[in-house]
C-alpha atoms as a PDB file:
ATOM      1  CA  MET A   1      -0.874  -9.175   6.442  1.00  0.00           C
ATOM      2  CA  GLN A   2       2.190  -7.032   6.729  1.00  0.00           C
ATOM      3  CA  VAL A   3       4.551  -5.030   4.569  1.00  0.00           C
ATOM      4  CA  LYS A   4       7.576  -7.006   3.386  1.00  0.00           C
ATOM      5  CA  GLN A   5      10.828  -5.571   4.672  1.00  0.00           C
ATOM      6  CA  GLY A   6      12.794  -3.588   2.151  1.00  0.00           C
ATOM      7  CA  PHE A   7      10.162  -1.255   0.717  1.00  0.00           C
ATOM      8  CA  LYS A   8      10.526   2.417   1.575  1.00  0.00           C
ATOM      9  CA  LEU A   9       8.366   5.410   0.808  1.00  0.00           C
ATOM     10  CA  LYS A  10      10.302   8.135  -1.011  1.00  0.00           C
ATOM     11  CA  GLU A  11       9.276  11.450  -2.517  1.00  0.00           C
ATOM     12  CA  VAL A  12      10.611  11.962  -6.044  1.00  0.00           C
ATOM     13  CA  CYS A  13       9.763  15.126  -7.979  1.00  0.00           C
ATOM     14  CA  GLY A  14       6.715  15.696  -5.801  1.00  0.00           C
ATOM     15  CA  GLU A  15       5.425  12.134  -6.239  1.00  0.00           C
ATOM     16  CA  ARG A  16       5.245   9.527  -3.481  1.00  0.00           C
ATOM     17  CA  ILE A  17       6.904   6.333  -4.650  1.00  0.00           C
ATOM     18  CA  LEU A  18       7.417   2.918  -3.022  1.00  0.00           C
ATOM     19  CA  VAL A  19      10.999   1.914  -3.693  1.00  0.00           C
ATOM     20  CA  PRO A  20      12.473  -1.569  -3.205  1.00  0.00           C
ATOM     21  CA  MET A  21      15.623  -1.396  -1.062  1.00  0.00           C
ATOM     22  CA  GLY A  22      18.337  -3.939  -0.251  1.00  0.00           C
ATOM     23  CA  GLU A  23      19.750  -6.987  -1.981  1.00  0.00           C
ATOM     24  CA  ASN A  24      16.472  -8.933  -1.983  1.00  0.00           C
ATOM     25  CA  ASN A  25      14.547  -6.139  -3.685  1.00  0.00           C
ATOM     26  CA  VAL A  26      16.748  -4.957  -6.548  1.00  0.00           C
ATOM     27  CA  ASP A  27      14.027  -5.094  -9.218  1.00  0.00           C
ATOM     28  CA  PHE A  28      13.368  -1.414  -9.896  1.00  0.00           C
ATOM     29  CA  SER A  29      10.478  -2.285 -12.210  1.00  0.00           C
ATOM     30  CA  LYS A  30       8.494  -2.587  -8.981  1.00  0.00           C
ATOM     31  CA  LEU A  31       8.413   1.145  -8.268  1.00  0.00           C
ATOM     32  CA  ILE A  32       4.859   2.043  -7.306  1.00  0.00           C
ATOM     33  CA  ALA A  33       3.450   5.576  -7.370  1.00  0.00           C
ATOM     34  CA  LEU A  34       0.957   6.373  -4.620  1.00  0.00           C
ATOM     35  CA  ASN A  35      -2.037   8.682  -4.872  1.00  0.00           C
ATOM     36  CA  GLU A  36      -3.549  10.293  -1.766  1.00  0.00           C
ATOM     37  CA  SER A  37      -5.703   7.331  -0.755  1.00  0.00           C
ATOM     38  CA  SER A  38      -3.015   4.694  -1.369  1.00  0.00           C
ATOM     39  CA  TYR A  39      -0.580   6.889   0.608  1.00  0.00           C
ATOM     40  CA  LEU A  40      -3.043   6.940   3.523  1.00  0.00           C
ATOM     41  CA  LEU A  41      -3.339   3.148   3.356  1.00  0.00           C
ATOM     42  CA  TRP A  42       0.448   2.724   3.112  1.00  0.00           C
ATOM     43  CA  LYS A  43       0.977   4.819   6.242  1.00  0.00           C
ATOM     44  CA  ARG A  44      -1.366   2.439   8.082  1.00  0.00           C
ATOM     45  CA  MET A  45       0.199  -0.690   6.598  1.00  0.00           C
ATOM     46  CA  GLU A  46       3.743   0.268   7.535  1.00  0.00           C
ATOM     47  CA  LYS A  47       2.727   0.559  11.206  1.00  0.00           C
ATOM     48  CA  GLY A  48       2.394  -3.224  11.502  1.00  0.00           C
ATOM     49  CA  SER A  49       0.013  -6.089  10.878  1.00  0.00           C
ATOM     50  CA  PHE A  50      -3.256  -5.188   9.211  1.00  0.00           C
ATOM     51  CA  THR A  51      -6.321  -6.758   7.671  1.00  0.00           C
ATOM     52  CA  ALA A  52      -8.317  -5.795   4.618  1.00  0.00           C
ATOM     53  CA  ASP A  53     -11.092  -4.703   7.008  1.00  0.00           C
ATOM     54  CA  ASP A  54      -8.669  -2.303   8.731  1.00  0.00           C
ATOM     55  CA  LEU A  55      -7.953  -0.645   5.396  1.00  0.00           C
ATOM     56  CA  VAL A  56     -11.611  -0.575   4.335  1.00  0.00           C
ATOM     57  CA  ASN A  57     -12.599   1.090   7.606  1.00  0.00           C
ATOM     58  CA  LEU A  58      -9.845   3.674   7.211  1.00  0.00           C
ATOM     59  CA  LEU A  59     -11.001   4.586   3.702  1.00  0.00           C
ATOM     60  CA  CYS A  60     -14.622   4.847   4.825  1.00  0.00           C
ATOM     61  CA  GLU A  61     -13.700   7.102   7.754  1.00  0.00           C
ATOM     62  CA  GLU A  62     -11.292   9.347   5.865  1.00  0.00           C
ATOM     63  CA  TYR A  63     -13.085   9.738   2.545  1.00  0.00           C
ATOM     64  CA  GLU A  64     -16.704   8.973   3.440  1.00  0.00           C
ATOM     65  CA  VAL A  65     -17.026   6.407   0.661  1.00  0.00           C
ATOM     66  CA  SER A  66     -19.420   3.482   0.794  1.00  0.00           C
ATOM     67  CA  PRO A  67     -18.120   0.178   2.131  1.00  0.00           C
ATOM     68  CA  ASP A  68     -18.710  -1.417  -1.295  1.00  0.00           C
ATOM     69  CA  VAL A  69     -16.419   1.096  -3.005  1.00  0.00           C
ATOM     70  CA  ALA A  70     -13.798   0.813  -0.252  1.00  0.00           C
ATOM     71  CA  ILE A  71     -13.818  -3.009  -0.389  1.00  0.00           C
ATOM     72  CA  LYS A  72     -13.283  -2.976  -4.145  1.00  0.00           C
ATOM     73  CA  ASP A  73     -10.435  -0.466  -3.895  1.00  0.00           C
ATOM     74  CA  VAL A  74      -8.723  -2.298  -1.031  1.00  0.00           C
ATOM     75  CA  ASP A  75      -9.057  -5.667  -2.799  1.00  0.00           C
ATOM     76  CA  ASN A  76      -7.425  -4.212  -5.920  1.00  0.00           C
ATOM     77  CA  LEU A  77      -4.618  -2.645  -3.897  1.00  0.00           C
ATOM     78  CA  ILE A  78      -3.934  -5.864  -1.982  1.00  0.00           C
ATOM     79  CA  LYS A  79      -3.854  -7.877  -5.229  1.00  0.00           C
ATOM     80  CA  GLN A  80      -1.376  -5.421  -6.755  1.00  0.00           C
ATOM     81  CA  TYR A  81       0.846  -5.349  -3.666  1.00  0.00           C
ATOM     82  CA  ARG A  82       0.838  -9.144  -3.403  1.00  0.00           C
ATOM     83  CA  SER A  83       1.761  -9.556  -7.068  1.00  0.00           C
ATOM     84  CA  GLU A  84       4.590  -7.030  -6.654  1.00  0.00           C
ATOM     85  CA  GLY A  85       5.810  -8.730  -3.454  1.00  0.00           C
ATOM     86  CA  VAL A  86       5.182  -5.652  -1.323  1.00  0.00           C
ATOM     87  CA  ILE A  87       3.006  -7.386   1.289  1.00  0.00           C
ATOM     88  CA  ILE A  88       3.037 -10.850   2.786  1.00  0.00           C
ATOM     89  CA  ASP A  89       0.370 -12.804   4.672  1.00  0.00           C
END
């Protein structure tokens, strides 16, 4: 998977927000606020290709959560980002 071109991380009023940029991403209903863990995952995703396992491992290392919890969280995030057109396979 990889991040679709045209999404940028911005800080607005102290909140981290994914903002669609460019002609192909003019739907501003797709603004996505990031909490600390989703920000950590975004920073990894924007570096290049990634797998769900990459993200699960990162969550487990950073937050010392169980793999079961990390898998569930990563699956939910990937589903949301796919439905919003933020990531592509």
